[in-house]
Amino acid sequence: MKKVALTGLVGICVMGSAAQARQQQPVPEATPIGKAQDCIQINQIMESRVRSDRIIRLTGKKWVRNTLPYSCPSLGFEEKFSYQTSTSQLCSVDTIAVLHSMGGGLQEGAHCGLGTFQPVELQKMPHK
């Protein structure tokens, strides 16, 4: 089985947690385009961004939003997760595990089911 860890925003926030930093930055709206898919190819995932306990955005050549059917405890706070699959695809029948930073390492937390993968177009944010 393949086990892969995907993290949301990467870096260190000096003034507080990554979740606090994200809340200070406006999040562009995502408009669904096309039909939702049950699976996406793992090799097409270049980046992930956790937006809440239910919403993850994945990107490769395009953005894809996965809205989990149920809230996943601590996902929005921790902003990182892992998954296991025995295929080259990540599918709506798969689960993710929230990763908690503990003692210099990562520990799995809640396991949560994925939803379908909806291609989206991000709206441009106005400059301030």
Protein backbone atom coordinates (compact mmCIF):
# COMPACT_ATOMS: atom_id res chain seq x y z
CA MET A 1 0.00 0.00 0.00
CA LYS A 2 1.12 3.52 -0.70
CA LYS A 3 1.06 5.90 2.25
CA VAL A 4 1.37 9.58 1.47
CA ALA A 5 1.25 12.63 3.70
CA LEU A 6 -0.17 15.81 2.27
CA THR A 7 0.13 19.07 4.12
CA GLY A 8 -1.78 22.28 3.73
CA LEU A 9 0.13 25.51 4.13
CA VAL A 10 3.82 24.84 4.69
CA GLY A 11 5.95 27.08 6.85
CA ILE A 12 6.24 28.58 10.29
CA CYS A 13 4.01 31.35 11.49
CA VAL A 14 5.88 33.43 14.05
CA MET A 15 2.82 35.16 15.45
CA GLY A 16 0.61 32.11 15.89
CA SER A 17 -0.65 28.92 14.33
CA ALA A 18 -1.02 28.33 10.61
CA ALA A 19 -4.80 28.27 11.14
CA GLN A 20 -4.67 31.82 12.58
CA ALA A 21 -2.50 32.99 9.68
CA ARG A 22 -4.93 31.47 7.18
CA GLN A 23 -7.88 33.22 8.84
CA GLN A 24 -6.15 36.57 8.32
CA GLN A 25 -5.76 35.98 4.58
CA PRO A 26 -8.86 36.10 2.40
CA VAL A 27 -9.75 32.80 0.74
CA PRO A 28 -10.76 33.04 -2.93
CA GLU A 29 -14.19 31.70 -3.79
CA ALA A 30 -14.27 28.47 -5.77
CA THR A 31 -16.79 28.02 -8.58
CA PRO A 32 -17.59 24.42 -9.60
CA ILE A 33 -16.76 23.66 -13.23
CA GLY A 34 -17.69 20.41 -14.88
CA LYS A 35 -18.85 17.21 -13.28
CA ALA A 36 -17.62 15.87 -9.93
CA GLN A 37 -15.40 12.77 -10.16
CA ASP A 38 -15.20 9.74 -7.89
CA CYS A 39 -11.38 9.46 -8.25
CA ILE A 40 -8.32 11.48 -9.18
CA GLN A 41 -4.85 10.26 -10.17
CA ILE A 42 -2.36 10.54 -7.29
CA ASN A 43 0.46 11.60 -9.62
CA GLN A 44 -1.60 14.67 -10.57
CA ILE A 45 -1.70 15.99 -6.98
CA MET A 46 0.95 18.67 -6.57
CA GLU A 47 -0.37 20.54 -3.52
CA SER A 48 -3.17 20.44 -0.99
CA ARG A 49 -4.77 23.20 1.03
CA VAL A 50 -7.03 22.37 3.94
CA ARG A 51 -9.74 25.02 4.21
CA SER A 52 -11.80 23.65 7.11
CA ASP A 53 -12.78 20.45 8.88
CA ARG A 54 -14.72 19.50 5.72
CA ILE A 55 -13.04 21.16 2.73
CA ILE A 56 -9.73 20.28 1.06
CA ARG A 57 -8.44 21.75 -2.21
CA LEU A 58 -5.99 19.72 -4.25
CA THR A 59 -4.11 21.02 -7.23
CA GLY A 60 -2.12 19.71 -10.13
CA LYS A 61 -2.99 21.04 -13.58
CA LYS A 62 -6.28 22.29 -12.08
CA TRP A 63 -7.89 22.85 -8.69
CA VAL A 64 -10.19 20.17 -7.28
CA ARG A 65 -12.31 20.59 -4.16
CA ASN A 66 -13.17 17.63 -1.94
CA THR A 67 -15.98 18.29 0.51
CA LEU A 68 -16.01 15.55 3.11
CA PRO A 69 -19.50 14.20 3.89
CA TYR A 70 -18.93 14.81 7.63
CA SER A 71 -16.75 17.14 9.66
CA CYS A 72 -13.28 15.71 10.36
CA PRO A 73 -12.14 16.70 13.87
CA SER A 74 -8.98 18.89 13.95
CA LEU A 75 -8.44 18.79 10.17
CA GLY A 76 -8.93 22.56 9.81
CA PHE A 77 -6.64 23.27 12.74
CA GLU A 78 -3.82 20.85 11.90
CA GLU A 79 -4.04 21.43 8.11
CA LYS A 80 -2.30 18.16 7.27
CA PHE A 81 -3.39 14.63 6.55
CA SER A 82 -2.25 11.31 5.14
CA TYR A 83 -3.95 8.63 3.11
CA GLN A 84 -3.32 5.03 2.10
CA THR A 85 -4.27 3.46 -1.18
CA SER A 86 -3.29 0.35 -3.08
CA THR A 87 -4.03 1.95 -6.44
CA SER A 88 -2.73 4.96 -8.35
CA GLN A 89 -5.91 6.88 -7.57
CA LEU A 90 -7.43 8.64 -4.57
CA CYS A 91 -11.17 7.96 -4.51
CA SER A 92 -14.30 9.02 -2.65
CA VAL A 93 -14.38 5.59 -0.94
CA ASP A 94 -10.92 6.26 0.60
CA THR A 95 -10.23 7.80 3.99
CA ILE A 96 -7.72 10.33 5.25
CA ALA A 97 -6.05 10.53 8.67
CA VAL A 98 -5.51 13.91 10.33
CA LEU A 99 -1.83 14.33 11.27
CA HIS A 100 -1.03 15.94 14.63
CA SER A 101 2.40 17.45 15.30
CA MET A 102 3.62 15.86 18.53
CA GLY A 103 7.10 15.73 20.05
CA GLY A 104 8.88 16.61 16.83
CA GLY A 105 6.97 13.99 14.81
CA LEU A 106 3.55 13.31 13.38
CA GLN A 107 0.83 11.18 14.93
CA GLU A 108 -2.39 10.05 13.22
CA GLY A 109 -5.63 11.37 14.62
CA ALA A 110 -9.18 11.10 13.31
CA HIS A 111 -9.83 9.01 10.18
CA CYS A 112 -12.44 10.52 7.87
CA GLY A 113 -14.08 9.56 4.60
CA LEU A 114 -13.61 11.61 1.44
CA GLY A 115 -16.32 13.01 -0.80
CA THR A 116 -16.28 13.36 -4.57
CA PHE A 117 -13.66 15.48 -6.33
CA GLN A 118 -15.21 18.62 -7.84
CA PRO A 119 -13.11 20.58 -10.36
CA VAL A 120 -13.24 24.27 -9.43
CA GLU A 121 -12.09 27.61 -10.74
CA LEU A 122 -10.73 30.02 -8.14
CA GLN A 123 -11.91 33.61 -8.31
CA LYS A 124 -9.21 36.27 -8.46
CA MET A 125 -8.86 38.30 -5.28
CA PRO A 126 -8.88 42.10 -5.63
CA HIS A 127 -5.58 43.78 -4.72
CA LYS A 128 -5.64 46.04 -1.67
